[in-house]
Protein backbone atom coordinates (compact mmCIF):
# COMPACT_ATOMS: atom_id res chain seq x y z
CA GLN A 1 159.36 149.26 70.35
CA LYS A 2 162.16 147.25 71.85
CA GLY A 3 163.47 147.90 75.30
CA LYS A 4 160.34 149.60 76.65
CA SER A 5 158.41 148.21 79.57
CA GLY A 6 154.65 147.79 79.48
CA ALA A 7 154.01 151.17 81.15
CA GLY A 8 156.47 152.99 78.89
CA LEU A 9 154.89 151.39 75.84
CA LEU A 10 151.40 152.45 76.97
CA VAL A 11 152.46 156.06 77.65
CA GLY A 12 154.26 156.17 74.33
CA ASN A 13 151.15 154.90 72.54
CA LEU A 14 148.92 157.41 74.30
CA ARG A 15 151.07 160.26 73.02
CA SER A 16 151.56 159.06 69.47
CA SER A 17 149.11 159.62 66.65
CA GLU A 18 149.22 155.90 65.86
CA GLY A 19 148.62 154.87 69.48
CA ILE A 20 145.52 153.49 71.06
CA MET A 21 143.94 156.98 71.37
CA ALA A 22 144.14 157.80 67.66
CA PRO A 23 140.57 156.65 66.93
CA PHE A 24 139.36 159.12 69.58
CA GLY A 25 140.86 162.16 67.89
CA ALA A 26 144.10 162.53 69.84
CA GLY A 27 146.64 163.67 67.29
CA ALA A 28 150.43 163.64 67.52
CA GLY A 29 151.67 164.93 70.85
CA SER A 30 148.19 165.39 72.32
CA SER A 31 146.25 163.48 74.91
CA LEU A 32 142.65 163.32 75.95
CA SER A 33 141.65 165.54 78.83
CA ILE A 34 138.63 166.99 80.56
CA SER A 35 139.00 170.21 78.57
CA TRP A 36 138.94 168.20 75.33
CA PHE A 37 135.77 166.47 76.46
CA PHE A 38 134.02 169.73 77.36
CA GLU A 39 135.20 171.41 74.18
CA HIS A 40 133.65 168.69 72.04
CA TYR A 41 130.69 167.46 74.06
CA TRP A 42 129.60 170.41 76.23
CA PRO A 43 126.79 171.54 73.86
CA LEU A 44 125.23 168.07 74.09
CA VAL A 45 125.72 167.82 77.87
CA SER A 46 124.31 171.33 78.31
CA LEU A 47 121.26 170.50 76.21
CA LEU A 48 120.57 167.29 78.17
CA LEU A 49 120.96 169.10 81.51
CA SER A 50 118.68 171.90 80.34
CA ILE A 51 116.00 169.41 79.32
CA GLY A 52 116.33 167.56 82.65
CA PHE A 53 116.12 170.74 84.75
CA THR A 54 113.18 172.00 82.71
CA ILE A 55 111.27 168.76 83.26
CA PHE A 56 112.13 168.78 86.99
CA PHE A 57 111.06 172.38 87.61
CA THR A 58 107.94 172.03 85.47
CA ASP A 59 106.90 168.93 87.42
CA LEU A 60 107.70 170.64 90.72
CA SER A 61 105.68 173.73 89.75
CA VAL A 62 102.67 171.65 88.72
CA LEU A 63 102.79 169.70 92.00
CA ALA A 64 103.13 172.91 94.04
CA LEU A 65 100.17 174.50 92.26
CA GLN A 66 98.04 171.40 92.83
CA ALA A 67 98.93 171.37 96.54
CA TYR A 68 98.67 175.14 97.07
CA ARG A 69 96.84 174.57 100.38
CA LEU A 70 100.12 173.39 101.88
CA PHE A 71 101.45 176.94 101.51
CA LEU A 72 98.56 178.72 103.25
CA PRO A 73 98.85 177.89 106.98
CA ARG A 74 100.42 180.46 109.30
CA PHE A 75 102.81 178.09 111.10
CA ALA A 76 106.25 177.86 109.50
CA ARG A 77 105.33 180.59 107.01
CA ALA A 78 108.93 181.88 106.99
CA HIS A 79 110.07 178.42 105.92
CA ARG A 80 107.51 178.35 103.13
CA VAL A 81 108.48 181.81 101.88
CA LEU A 82 112.21 181.04 102.07
CA GLY A 83 111.61 177.73 100.28
CA ALA A 84 109.84 179.59 97.47
CA MET A 85 112.72 182.10 97.36
CA TYR A 86 115.24 179.27 97.24
CA LEU A 87 113.45 177.60 94.34
CA ALA A 88 113.12 180.94 92.54
CA LEU A 89 116.84 181.52 93.03
CA LEU A 90 117.59 178.06 91.62
CA LEU A 91 115.40 178.83 88.60
CA PHE A 92 117.13 182.18 88.14
CA GLY A 93 120.53 180.50 88.35
CA PHE A 94 119.45 177.95 85.78
CA ALA A 95 118.31 180.68 83.39
CA ASP A 96 121.40 182.75 84.16
CA LEU A 97 123.70 179.98 82.92
CA HIS A 98 122.88 181.16 79.42
CA SER A 99 122.59 184.93 80.01
CA ASN A 100 125.27 185.64 82.67
CA ILE A 101 123.36 188.51 84.33
CA LEU A 102 124.72 187.80 87.81
CA PRO A 103 128.35 186.87 88.50
CA ARG A 104 128.51 183.20 89.50
CA PHE A 105 130.26 184.00 92.81
CA ILE A 106 127.40 186.26 93.91
CA PHE A 107 124.84 183.64 92.91
CA ASP A 108 126.72 180.96 94.89
CA VAL A 109 126.82 183.17 98.00
CA LEU A 110 123.12 184.05 97.70
CA LEU A 111 122.21 180.39 97.27
CA GLY A 112 124.33 179.37 100.26
CA VAL A 113 122.97 182.09 102.57
CA THR A 114 119.38 181.37 101.50
CA GLY A 115 120.00 177.65 102.12
CA ILE A 116 121.25 178.35 105.65
CA PHE A 117 118.23 180.49 106.49
CA LEU A 118 115.91 177.94 104.86
CA THR A 119 117.12 175.12 107.08
CA LEU A 120 117.09 177.32 110.20
CA SER A 121 113.56 178.49 109.40
CA ALA A 122 112.50 174.82 109.27
CA ALA A 123 113.95 174.30 112.75
CA TRP A 124 112.20 177.43 114.09
CA GLY A 125 108.95 176.77 112.22
CA PHE A 126 108.57 173.19 113.39
CA PRO A 127 109.68 173.31 117.05
CA HIS A 128 107.67 170.17 117.89
CA HIS A 129 110.32 168.22 115.96
CA ARG A 130 112.53 168.51 119.05
CA ARG A 131 110.52 165.62 120.46
CA VAL A 132 110.81 163.43 117.35
CA THR A 133 112.84 160.25 117.67
CA ASN A 134 113.63 157.96 114.78
CA GLU A 135 114.89 154.39 114.63
CA ALA A 136 117.70 155.39 112.25
CA SER A 137 119.69 158.53 111.68
CA GLY A 138 118.16 160.84 109.11
CA THR A 139 115.08 159.87 107.18
CA LEU A 140 116.23 156.41 106.17
CA ASN A 141 113.14 154.76 107.62
CA GLU A 142 109.87 155.08 105.70
CA ASP A 143 108.10 156.45 108.79
CA ALA A 144 110.94 158.79 109.84
CA THR A 145 110.64 162.55 110.20
CA VAL A 146 113.48 165.04 110.15
CA THR A 147 114.37 165.93 113.74
CA TYR A 148 115.16 169.40 115.05
CA ASP A 149 118.81 168.46 115.59
CA GLU A 150 119.08 167.22 112.00
CA MET A 151 117.68 170.53 110.75
CA ILE A 152 120.31 172.44 112.74
CA GLU A 153 123.00 170.03 111.50
CA HIS A 154 121.87 170.59 107.93
CA SER A 155 122.25 174.36 108.35
CA PHE A 156 125.80 173.76 109.58
CA TYR A 157 126.62 171.79 106.44
CA GLN A 158 124.98 174.48 104.30
CA GLY A 159 127.42 176.90 105.93
CA LEU A 160 130.34 174.60 105.14
CA ASN A 161 129.22 174.45 101.52
CA LEU A 162 129.19 178.23 101.44
């Protein structure tokens, strides 16, 4: 391929069936893309994600059942209930990936609104955290506790995500 620069030669090879992408299934005039990846590998990725989420939620459920006494006190009960709702909504969304009962937009809005109320309920349910001071921002220190201001800040970012 005389007269072509290095970049032109590379682009030409990427587009040709004999180029460097040929072993990866890119035929004449085609190129690899995200859509090609998902078309060919999405079933495997979906299976691995499903297994990972199933293990995570099973482990979380077992831990929550073992520590059920943490959910009984009256203080911050709204936070506990909203946290359970949030986890239930996540589980529903996970199951709904395969059944498509709820439109994804509605699920995203419900998850965002529940997340905002969850973080605000933490701020209201643990008012003594207004007096908490940490050495570092956030919970980077092993002995750190989430401060009231960080809870409010988190609700702001939940709103931005929405």
